[in-house]
Protein backbone atom coordinates (compact mmCIF):
# COMPACT_ATOMS: atom_id res chain seq x y z
CA MET A 1 -0.06 0.00 -0.02
CA ARG A 2 1.60 3.17 -1.09
CA ASN A 3 1.50 6.23 1.20
CA PRO A 4 1.60 9.52 -0.57
CA SER A 5 2.63 11.39 2.46
CA THR A 6 5.77 9.28 3.16
CA GLN A 7 6.89 7.92 -0.22
CA GLN A 8 6.75 8.54 -4.01
CA ILE A 9 3.43 7.76 -5.56
CA LEU A 10 5.11 6.11 -8.63
CA LYS A 11 8.73 4.88 -8.75
CA ASP A 12 11.04 6.09 -11.35
CA GLU A 13 10.93 2.71 -13.22
CA GLU A 14 7.28 2.77 -13.38
CA CYS A 15 7.01 6.17 -14.74
CA PHE A 16 9.66 5.26 -17.43
CA GLU A 17 7.68 2.14 -18.29
CA ILE A 18 4.33 4.07 -18.44
CA VAL A 19 5.77 6.80 -20.67
CA ARG A 20 7.33 4.30 -22.79
CA LYS A 21 4.21 2.38 -23.47
CA LYS A 22 2.45 5.66 -24.24
CA LEU A 23 5.22 6.88 -26.56
CA HIS A 24 4.91 3.38 -28.58
CA LYS A 25 1.15 3.64 -28.78
CA ASP A 26 1.32 6.91 -30.32
CA SER A 27 4.19 6.20 -32.61
CA MET A 28 6.52 8.56 -30.76
CA GLU A 29 9.54 6.09 -30.29
CA ASP A 30 12.07 8.94 -31.23
CA PHE A 31 10.80 10.87 -28.08
CA SER A 32 12.19 10.24 -24.67
CA LEU A 33 11.17 11.24 -20.93
CA ILE A 34 12.82 14.49 -19.86
CA THR A 35 10.88 15.08 -16.61
CA TYR A 36 7.77 14.04 -14.65
CA GLU A 37 5.90 14.93 -11.59
CA VAL A 38 2.79 13.35 -9.82
CA VAL A 39 0.41 16.05 -8.50
CA PRO A 40 -2.77 15.51 -6.31
CA ILE A 41 -6.12 16.07 -7.95
CA ASP A 42 -7.78 18.47 -5.22
CA GLU A 43 -11.56 17.97 -6.04
CA VAL A 44 -13.37 14.95 -4.71
CA ASN A 45 -14.85 13.53 -7.87
CA GLY A 46 -15.11 10.17 -6.61
CA TYR A 47 -15.34 8.31 -3.35
CA MET A 48 -13.31 5.30 -3.60
CA GLY A 49 -9.67 6.26 -4.04
CA GLN A 50 -7.05 8.98 -3.99
CA TYR A 51 -6.45 10.70 -7.44
CA PHE A 52 -3.29 12.30 -8.91
CA THR A 53 -2.08 13.36 -12.37
CA LEU A 54 1.05 12.04 -13.66
CA LYS A 55 2.46 14.91 -15.81
CA ALA A 56 5.50 13.89 -18.11
CA THR A 57 7.50 15.97 -20.25
CA VAL A 58 9.16 14.41 -23.52
CA ALA A 59 11.43 15.44 -26.20
CA SER A 60 13.10 14.15 -29.15
CA PRO A 61 16.77 13.73 -29.41
CA GLN A 62 16.82 15.27 -32.98
CA SER A 63 14.72 18.35 -31.67
CA PRO A 64 15.71 18.82 -28.20
CA LEU A 65 13.74 21.99 -27.98
CA GLU A 66 10.50 20.56 -29.29
CA THR A 67 8.89 19.08 -26.17
CA LYS A 68 5.45 17.43 -25.62
CA ASN A 69 3.43 17.43 -22.37
CA ILE A 70 1.66 13.87 -21.56
CA ASN A 71 -0.78 13.32 -18.67
CA PHE A 72 -1.97 10.10 -17.03
CA PHE A 73 -4.72 9.81 -14.49
CA THR A 74 -3.39 7.94 -11.40
CA LYS A 75 -5.43 6.26 -8.80
CA LEU A 76 -4.61 4.72 -5.43
CA PRO A 77 -6.85 3.08 -2.92
CA PRO A 78 -8.11 5.49 0.00
CA PRO A 79 -5.61 6.26 2.51
CA THR A 80 -5.42 3.69 5.71
CA THR A 81 -6.82 6.28 7.97
CA SER A 82 -10.10 6.28 5.87
CA PRO A 83 -13.01 4.28 6.68
CA GLN A 84 -13.24 3.41 2.89
CA TYR A 85 -9.72 1.68 2.88
CA ASP A 86 -11.17 -1.05 5.14
CA PHE A 87 -14.23 -1.56 3.09
CA ILE A 88 -12.32 -1.67 -0.19
CA GLN A 89 -9.79 -4.13 1.44
CA GLN A 90 -12.71 -6.45 2.57
CA TYR A 91 -14.72 -6.49 -0.61
CA GLY A 92 -11.96 -6.10 -3.13
CA SER A 93 -13.27 -3.46 -5.25
CA PHE A 94 -9.87 -1.74 -6.02
CA LYS A 95 -8.40 -5.30 -6.71
CA LYS A 96 -11.40 -6.08 -9.15
CA GLU A 97 -10.91 -2.73 -11.29
CA VAL A 98 -7.27 -3.73 -11.67
CA ALA A 99 -8.21 -7.25 -12.81
CA LEU A 100 -10.80 -5.63 -15.18
CA TYR A 101 -8.23 -3.32 -16.92
CA THR A 102 -5.54 -5.78 -16.96
CA THR A 103 -7.07 -9.16 -17.80
CA VAL A 104 -10.82 -8.81 -18.86
CA PHE A 105 -10.91 -5.63 -20.96
CA PRO A 106 -7.77 -6.54 -23.18
CA GLU A 107 -9.51 -9.93 -24.05
CA VAL A 108 -13.28 -9.08 -24.07
CA LEU A 109 -13.20 -5.60 -25.48
CA ASP A 110 -10.94 -6.26 -28.31
CA GLY A 111 -12.18 -4.12 -31.32
CA LEU A 112 -14.21 -1.79 -28.98
CA ASP A 113 -13.47 1.79 -30.01
CA LYS A 114 -10.82 2.62 -27.30
CA ARG A 115 -12.15 5.92 -26.71
CA TYR A 116 -14.91 4.43 -24.87
CA ILE A 117 -12.62 3.05 -22.02
CA PRO A 118 -9.32 4.65 -20.93
CA GLU A 119 -6.25 2.71 -21.83
CA CYS A 120 -4.47 1.21 -18.92
CA PHE A 121 -0.64 1.58 -18.55
CA LEU A 122 0.06 0.10 -15.11
CA GLY A 123 -2.15 -1.90 -12.84
CA LEU A 124 -0.96 -3.32 -9.55
CA GLU A 125 -3.35 -5.32 -7.47
CA ASP A 126 -4.36 -3.21 -4.29
CA ASP A 127 -1.89 -0.64 -5.15
CA VAL A 128 -2.18 1.63 -8.05
CA ILE A 129 -3.82 2.10 -11.38
CA VAL A 130 -2.41 4.41 -14.13
CA LEU A 131 -4.93 5.25 -16.97
CA GLU A 132 -4.79 7.41 -20.15
CA ASP A 133 -5.96 11.01 -19.30
CA MET A 134 -9.09 11.38 -21.50
CA ALA A 135 -9.15 15.13 -20.87
CA HIS A 136 -5.97 15.23 -23.16
CA SER A 137 -8.28 13.69 -25.81
CA GLY A 138 -10.94 16.39 -25.42
CA TYR A 139 -13.24 14.34 -22.97
CA GLU A 140 -14.59 16.47 -19.88
CA MET A 141 -16.77 15.63 -16.69
CA THR A 142 -20.16 17.29 -16.58
CA ASP A 143 -21.81 19.13 -13.61
CA LYS A 144 -23.20 16.37 -11.73
CA PHE A 145 -26.07 18.70 -10.24
CA LYS A 146 -27.10 19.35 -14.04
CA PRO A 147 -29.34 16.52 -15.18
CA PHE A 148 -28.37 14.94 -18.50
CA ASP A 149 -30.49 15.88 -21.46
CA PHE A 150 -32.05 13.58 -24.31
CA GLU A 151 -28.73 14.20 -26.55
CA HIS A 152 -26.32 13.03 -23.68
CA CYS A 153 -28.42 10.13 -23.13
CA LYS A 154 -28.63 9.14 -26.72
CA VAL A 155 -24.76 9.18 -26.92
CA MET A 156 -24.59 7.14 -23.61
CA MET A 157 -27.01 4.51 -24.99
CA LYS A 158 -24.97 4.07 -28.14
CA THR A 159 -21.85 3.55 -26.09
CA LEU A 160 -23.25 1.39 -23.49
CA ALA A 161 -24.75 -0.73 -26.04
CA ARG A 162 -21.45 -1.56 -27.81
CA PHE A 163 -19.94 -2.02 -24.46
CA HIS A 164 -22.58 -4.52 -23.25
CA ALA A 165 -22.55 -6.20 -26.67
CA LYS A 166 -18.70 -7.33 -26.11
CA SER A 167 -20.06 -9.69 -23.47
CA LEU A 168 -22.57 -11.17 -25.57
CA ILE A 169 -20.03 -11.75 -28.44
CA PHE A 170 -17.41 -13.20 -26.21
CA GLU A 171 -20.12 -15.67 -24.62
CA GLN A 172 -21.55 -16.58 -28.12
CA LEU A 173 -17.75 -17.18 -29.36
CA TYR A 174 -16.42 -19.20 -26.49
CA LYS A 175 -19.55 -20.58 -25.31
CA LYS A 176 -18.88 -19.93 -21.66
CA SER A 177 -20.19 -17.18 -19.43
CA MET A 178 -18.19 -14.15 -18.57
CA GLN A 179 -19.12 -15.20 -14.86
CA ASP A 180 -17.38 -18.55 -15.14
CA GLU A 181 -14.49 -17.18 -17.34
CA PHE A 182 -13.62 -14.08 -15.19
CA SER A 183 -14.84 -15.07 -11.78
CA HIS A 184 -12.13 -13.23 -10.11
CA CYS A 185 -13.66 -9.98 -10.78
CA MET A 186 -17.16 -10.53 -11.07
CA GLN A 187 -18.16 -10.52 -7.51
CA GLU A 188 -20.41 -7.90 -6.00
CA THR A 189 -18.28 -5.16 -4.39
CA LEU A 190 -21.02 -2.52 -3.23
CA TRP A 191 -23.46 -4.69 -1.10
CA PRO A 192 -22.47 -8.22 -1.21
CA LEU A 193 -24.59 -10.82 0.63
CA LYS A 194 -22.20 -10.68 3.82
CA ASP A 195 -22.27 -9.14 7.23
CA GLY A 196 -19.78 -6.63 8.21
CA ARG A 197 -19.13 -3.05 6.67
CA ALA A 198 -21.22 -3.88 3.36
CA LYS A 199 -24.35 -4.37 5.75
CA SER A 200 -23.60 -1.31 7.87
CA MET A 201 -23.32 0.77 4.67
CA PHE A 202 -26.54 -0.48 3.34
CA ASP A 203 -28.37 -0.05 6.72
CA ALA A 204 -27.16 3.47 7.02
CA ALA A 205 -28.27 4.34 3.49
CA VAL A 206 -31.79 2.91 4.07
CA LYS A 207 -31.92 4.97 7.38
CA GLY A 208 -31.14 8.10 5.41
CA ILE A 209 -33.77 7.48 3.01
CA VAL A 210 -36.44 6.67 5.59
CA SER A 211 -35.59 9.97 7.12
CA LEU A 212 -36.18 11.87 3.57
CA ILE A 213 -39.53 10.63 3.46
CA ASP A 214 -40.51 12.85 6.51
CA LEU A 215 -39.59 15.78 4.23
CA MET A 216 -41.62 15.05 1.23
CA PRO A 217 -44.27 17.58 0.77
CA ASP A 218 -48.07 16.74 0.40
CA LEU A 219 -48.06 13.21 1.87
CA LYS A 220 -50.31 12.71 4.92
CA GLU A 221 -48.94 11.01 7.97
CA ASP A 222 -50.48 7.70 7.26
CA GLU A 223 -49.13 7.85 3.61
CA ARG A 224 -45.54 8.58 5.17
CA GLU A 225 -45.89 5.55 7.29
CA LYS A 226 -47.06 3.19 4.58
CA PHE A 227 -44.46 4.52 2.17
CA THR A 228 -41.65 3.99 4.94
CA ALA A 229 -42.81 0.44 5.45
CA LYS A 230 -42.93 -0.03 1.58
CA VAL A 231 -39.39 1.22 1.30
CA ILE A 232 -38.09 -0.99 3.85
CA ASP A 233 -39.75 -3.96 2.51
CA LEU A 234 -38.23 -3.22 -1.05
CA CYS A 235 -34.69 -2.96 0.59
CA VAL A 236 -35.08 -6.19 2.63
CA ASP A 237 -33.89 -8.34 -0.37
CA HIS A 238 -32.18 -5.45 -2.43
CA ALA A 239 -28.81 -6.91 -2.19
CA THR A 240 -29.98 -10.29 -3.43
CA LYS A 241 -31.50 -8.49 -6.69
CA LEU A 242 -27.85 -7.21 -7.46
CA LEU A 243 -26.74 -10.87 -8.07
CA PRO A 244 -26.59 -12.30 -11.73
CA SER A 245 -30.17 -12.74 -12.97
CA MET A 246 -31.51 -16.18 -13.36
CA ARG A 247 -34.18 -15.42 -15.64
CA HIS A 248 -32.55 -12.67 -17.98
CA LYS A 249 -29.49 -12.50 -19.99
CA ASN A 250 -26.50 -11.01 -18.12
CA VAL A 251 -23.54 -8.93 -19.41
CA LEU A 252 -20.50 -7.24 -17.79
CA CYS A 253 -22.19 -4.11 -16.51
CA HIS A 254 -20.39 -1.00 -15.28
CA GLY A 255 -22.48 -0.73 -12.17
CA ASP A 256 -22.07 2.88 -11.22
CA LEU A 257 -23.07 5.13 -14.11
CA TRP A 258 -23.39 8.54 -12.37
CA ALA A 259 -22.41 11.65 -13.91
CA ASN A 260 -18.74 11.59 -12.41
CA ASN A 261 -18.01 8.37 -14.12
CA ILE A 262 -19.00 9.36 -17.50
CA LEU A 263 -16.83 11.77 -19.73
CA PHE A 264 -18.30 13.46 -22.99
CA LYS A 265 -16.49 14.98 -25.85
CA TYR A 266 -18.37 17.91 -27.67
CA ASP A 267 -18.27 19.28 -31.15
CA ILE A 268 -18.11 22.90 -32.13
CA ASN A 269 -21.69 23.59 -31.21
CA GLU A 270 -21.36 22.10 -27.80
CA LYS A 271 -23.31 19.08 -28.79
CA PRO A 272 -21.93 15.85 -27.26
CA VAL A 273 -20.81 13.35 -29.68
CA GLU A 274 -18.92 10.75 -27.90
CA CYS A 275 -18.54 9.56 -24.20
CA CYS A 276 -16.15 7.41 -22.13
CA LEU A 277 -16.85 5.28 -19.07
CA ILE A 278 -14.52 5.31 -16.25
CA ASP A 279 -14.03 3.94 -12.57
CA PHE A 280 -15.16 0.19 -12.77
CA GLN A 281 -14.78 -0.71 -9.02
CA LEU A 282 -18.63 -1.65 -8.69
CA ALA A 283 -18.85 -3.49 -12.00
CA ARG A 284 -21.07 -6.70 -11.87
CA TYR A 285 -22.61 -9.32 -13.96
CA ASN A 286 -26.18 -8.24 -14.54
CA PRO A 287 -28.83 -7.67 -17.34
CA PRO A 288 -28.10 -4.90 -19.33
CA ALA A 289 -31.19 -3.19 -18.11
CA HIS A 290 -29.61 -2.74 -14.72
CA ASP A 291 -27.03 -0.40 -16.25
CA ILE A 292 -29.53 1.47 -18.41
CA LEU A 293 -32.18 2.01 -15.66
CA CYS A 294 -29.67 3.03 -13.01
CA PHE A 295 -27.89 5.31 -15.44
CA LEU A 296 -31.28 6.89 -16.01
CA GLN A 297 -32.16 6.97 -12.19
CA PHE A 298 -28.76 8.68 -11.47
CA THR A 299 -28.32 11.15 -14.11
CA THR A 300 -31.68 12.47 -15.54
CA THR A 301 -35.15 13.76 -14.32
CA ARG A 302 -38.35 12.04 -13.92
CA GLN A 303 -39.73 14.05 -16.66
CA LEU A 304 -37.16 12.95 -19.05
CA ARG A 305 -37.49 9.49 -18.19
CA GLU A 306 -41.15 9.60 -18.69
CA GLU A 307 -41.00 11.30 -22.09
CA HIS A 308 -37.95 9.57 -23.61
CA SER A 309 -37.20 6.25 -22.07
CA GLU A 310 -38.85 4.18 -24.68
CA GLU A 311 -36.97 6.00 -27.39
CA LEU A 312 -33.69 5.54 -25.58
CA PHE A 313 -34.44 1.78 -25.01
CA LYS A 314 -34.84 1.52 -28.79
CA ILE A 315 -31.74 3.39 -29.38
CA TYR A 316 -29.68 1.17 -27.31
CA HIS A 317 -31.29 -2.11 -28.68
CA ASP A 318 -30.56 -0.66 -32.52
CA SER A 319 -27.07 0.07 -31.57
CA MET A 320 -26.42 -3.28 -29.85
CA GLY A 321 -27.84 -4.94 -32.91
CA GLU A 322 -25.34 -3.20 -35.18
CA ALA A 323 -22.67 -4.16 -32.98
CA LEU A 324 -23.55 -7.86 -33.01
CA LYS A 325 -24.16 -7.56 -36.60
CA GLU A 326 -20.39 -6.78 -37.21
CA ALA A 327 -19.44 -9.85 -35.37
CA GLY A 328 -21.65 -11.94 -37.42
CA LEU A 329 -24.60 -12.25 -34.78
CA ASP A 330 -28.21 -11.44 -35.30
CA ILE A 331 -29.59 -9.58 -32.28
CA SER A 332 -33.27 -11.08 -32.86
CA THR A 333 -31.62 -14.61 -31.93
CA VAL A 334 -28.94 -13.48 -29.27
CA PHE A 335 -31.03 -10.71 -27.40
CA PRO A 336 -34.49 -10.07 -29.14
CA TRP A 337 -36.37 -6.91 -28.38
CA ASP A 338 -39.08 -8.66 -26.46
CA GLU A 339 -36.47 -10.33 -24.07
CA PHE A 340 -34.95 -6.99 -23.68
CA HIS A 341 -37.87 -5.15 -22.72
CA GLU A 342 -39.21 -7.72 -20.48
CA SER A 343 -36.23 -7.26 -18.45
CA ILE A 344 -36.65 -3.54 -18.36
CA GLU A 345 -40.00 -4.02 -16.89
CA ASP A 346 -38.85 -6.67 -14.37
CA LEU A 347 -36.00 -4.57 -12.98
CA ARG A 348 -37.69 -1.08 -13.12
CA VAL A 349 -38.78 -0.90 -9.57
CA MET A 350 -35.41 -2.25 -8.29
CA CYS A 351 -33.46 0.34 -10.19
CA ILE A 352 -35.62 3.05 -8.90
CA THR A 353 -34.88 2.02 -5.41
CA HIS A 354 -31.26 1.57 -6.35
CA GLY A 355 -31.07 5.29 -7.31
CA VAL A 356 -32.91 6.50 -4.09
CA LEU A 357 -30.34 4.60 -1.96
CA ASN A 358 -27.30 5.78 -4.08
CA ILE A 359 -28.00 9.22 -5.27
CA PRO A 360 -27.69 10.89 -1.61
CA ILE A 361 -23.99 10.40 -1.77
CA MET A 362 -23.63 10.96 -5.33
CA LEU A 363 -24.99 14.31 -5.29
CA LEU A 364 -23.40 15.89 -2.13
CA GLU A 365 -22.54 19.23 -2.42
CA PRO A 366 -18.88 19.74 -3.08
CA SER A 367 -17.88 21.44 0.12
CA ALA A 368 -19.73 18.51 2.10
CA ALA A 369 -18.04 16.06 -0.17
CA SER A 370 -14.80 17.49 0.74
CA LYS A 371 -15.51 17.63 4.47
CA TYR A 372 -16.46 14.06 4.79
CA PHE A 373 -14.33 12.32 2.13
CA ALA A 374 -11.13 14.42 2.24
CA HIS A 375 -10.88 15.76 5.71
CA GLU A 376 -12.66 14.40 8.43
CA PRO A 377 -12.58 10.46 8.40
CA GLU A 378 -14.54 10.06 11.76
CA LEU A 379 -17.31 11.95 10.45
CA LEU A 380 -17.29 9.91 7.19
CA GLU A 381 -17.33 6.59 9.43
CA ASN A 382 -20.60 7.78 10.76
CA ILE A 383 -22.51 8.83 7.89
CA LEU A 384 -21.32 5.87 5.73
CA TYR A 385 -21.72 2.98 8.30
CA VAL A 386 -24.14 4.09 10.89
CA ASP A 387 -26.71 6.66 9.80
CA ARG A 388 -26.86 9.09 6.91
CA THR A 389 -29.99 11.04 8.35
CA PRO A 390 -28.09 14.07 9.61
CA LEU A 391 -25.91 14.63 6.28
CA VAL A 392 -28.85 13.80 3.63
CA CYS A 393 -31.55 15.92 5.57
CA GLU A 394 -29.03 18.87 5.83
CA GLN A 395 -28.42 18.56 2.06
CA VAL A 396 -31.92 18.44 1.40
CA LYS A 397 -32.66 21.53 3.37
CA GLU A 398 -29.58 23.62 2.36
CA VAL A 399 -28.90 22.61 -1.45
CA PRO A 400 -31.93 23.36 -3.73
CA GLN A 401 -30.44 21.18 -6.59
CA TYR A 402 -30.03 18.11 -4.26
CA ARG A 403 -33.41 18.81 -2.75
CA ASP A 404 -35.09 18.78 -6.04
CA ARG A 405 -33.21 15.47 -7.32
CA MET A 406 -34.02 13.38 -4.10
CA MET A 407 -37.76 14.50 -4.00
CA ASP A 408 -38.25 13.65 -7.81
CA ALA A 409 -36.56 10.23 -7.05
CA LEU A 410 -38.69 9.60 -4.09
CA LEU A 411 -41.91 10.66 -5.53
CA GLU A 412 -41.41 8.45 -8.37
CA LEU A 413 -40.85 5.54 -6.19
CA TYR A 414 -43.82 6.53 -4.17
CA GLU A 415 -46.17 6.87 -7.15
CA THR A 416 -44.92 3.67 -8.66
CA GLN A 417 -45.73 1.73 -5.46
CA ASN A 418 -49.28 3.37 -5.40
CA ALA A 419 -50.21 3.64 -9.00
CA SER A 420 -51.93 -0.05 -8.80
CA ALA A 421 -51.79 -3.20 -6.81
CA PRO A 422 -48.16 -4.26 -6.60
CA VAL A 423 -47.17 -6.61 -9.46
CA ALA A 424 -44.86 -9.63 -8.27
CA ASN A 425 -41.26 -9.14 -9.32
CA LEU A 426 -40.64 -12.31 -11.24
CA GLU A 427 -37.08 -12.31 -10.39
CA SER A 428 -37.72 -11.95 -6.73
CA LYS A 429 -39.99 -14.78 -6.86
CA ARG A 430 -37.47 -16.97 -8.40
CA ARG A 431 -34.78 -16.10 -5.94
CA ALA A 432 -37.24 -16.46 -3.20
CA GLN A 433 -37.96 -20.26 -4.28
CA LEU A 434 -34.19 -20.83 -4.20
CA ASP A 435 -33.71 -19.24 -0.83
CA VAL A 436 -30.82 -16.96 -2.29
CA GLY A 437 -29.45 -14.33 0.02
CA SER A 438 -30.72 -15.22 3.40
CA GLU A 439 -28.18 -13.29 5.12
CA HIS A 440 -29.88 -10.02 4.30
CA THR A 441 -33.52 -10.66 5.34
CA GLU A 442 -32.64 -9.30 8.84
CA ILE A 443 -32.19 -5.83 7.51
CA GLY A 444 -35.74 -4.87 7.22
CA LYS A 445 -36.39 -6.25 10.47
CA SER A 446 -33.64 -4.22 12.23
CA LEU A 447 -34.61 -1.05 10.67
CA VAL A 448 -38.07 -1.35 11.59
CA SER A 449 -37.24 -2.17 15.32
């Protein structure tokens, strides 16, 4: 484990090798490394690591005055003083991301436009990841408080479809599942079916959501009580629903598609034309619908979802059809529309719930994110693993954009549950019959009590 306060973040020989690989990739072998430095990225743009930029200057011996600057994105696990460090060590999320970049992506994503995923130049288990700096190629992060519009979603659907298609192509070609072939990096790393920190984090998330129900406008007391009971009921087996589906086709899903994990490139008219996916620590083997629906919950308004979801689903499916056709496969056989749309309907409520549970941390106002994740680990311990209530209620009361998004999400879940008599979730029924995930059945009981 590297400690940035007491040692070099990257060794000299590692930097030389990283730059050498980049120069070879860009056909710049006649250039060589002159200087480099590793500088911290001050903004809290993610919650699962420490972030740095490796800045290198290279020059050609033939033209020593002609220099070029090359940047790389560098990520370490959280510091050992952070409660996040224990979580990542226990459930292996950093280790999984390294394995994805170094073993899975090179084999499975072969032929995928490299712009969709940053290239990895160094990946050491539980230690460090060094990636291509996509900002150098014109990609940028959006404002997480500004919901994505239809144009951003359309670009994302096309990219996500091609990413997911690679799993289907791999499985069709080799006649074995991604789960079997790459089991070492398909495990659940957010809320696995285990006791310990994952269960504490999940319980804290549910408590935070329950506290926000009291702040929802226009609900009567009995309506709040019924909705609270319903939310707790939905959460009892939520971790089980994150497991690979036994009913629907699974692919390698990103698992954490919120604004800060999606970079966009724009044309001269500021229209999004490409996007890039980053941060795969929460990747999982799930139906494609999981990524699609959670992306929409994490990044868009309810109004956009109601007006454009079906069109976006069609764009996704058509794009996947094109990707499969390029590999000599027919989507009507591999992943027909009816099968895809059935998975959308079956996972919809679960993904709305997943959004409600995750958005409160994703949308933290920057000063609050910095306070908890960068400067006061003892406060972070409490809000992550004990009770999020003080933090989320404060954010709802003080940050209008946060309040609007949270109330929007909660109201959608409320109205979804009260529109008609509940329809049994086929996936949940199947799992209940097989008694999967019994470790988490105590969550609802403990929250109620």
